[in-house]
């Protein structure tokens, strides 16, 4: 369930941020900010649903998923293929996220 929540949160965050990017960098209507803000609220709500013992740990692990999802957005929405360095970096981040999420914790 955690992985699904992270993927959904990443989609909501990226879509929300892109809406502001479209408005402020691509000269789209300021009305883009409305769904952008709603998407960012959804993102924040989704992250609170993750089972974690501390918010910081949940956010840190989410960071790796966000990076990989951003490169997927780059490819599917912006039609720019990630290069090998993008993919290597995302892979390293996902490994780091897995260590944070699944590493043994002492009492």
Foldseek 3Di string as FASTA:
>chain_A
DLVVLLLLLLVLQVQLVVLVCCVPPVVDDPVSNVSSVVSNVVSVVSLVPHDDPDSVLSVQLSVLVNLVVVQVCCCPPVVDHDDPVSVVVSVVSNVVSCCSVPPDDDD
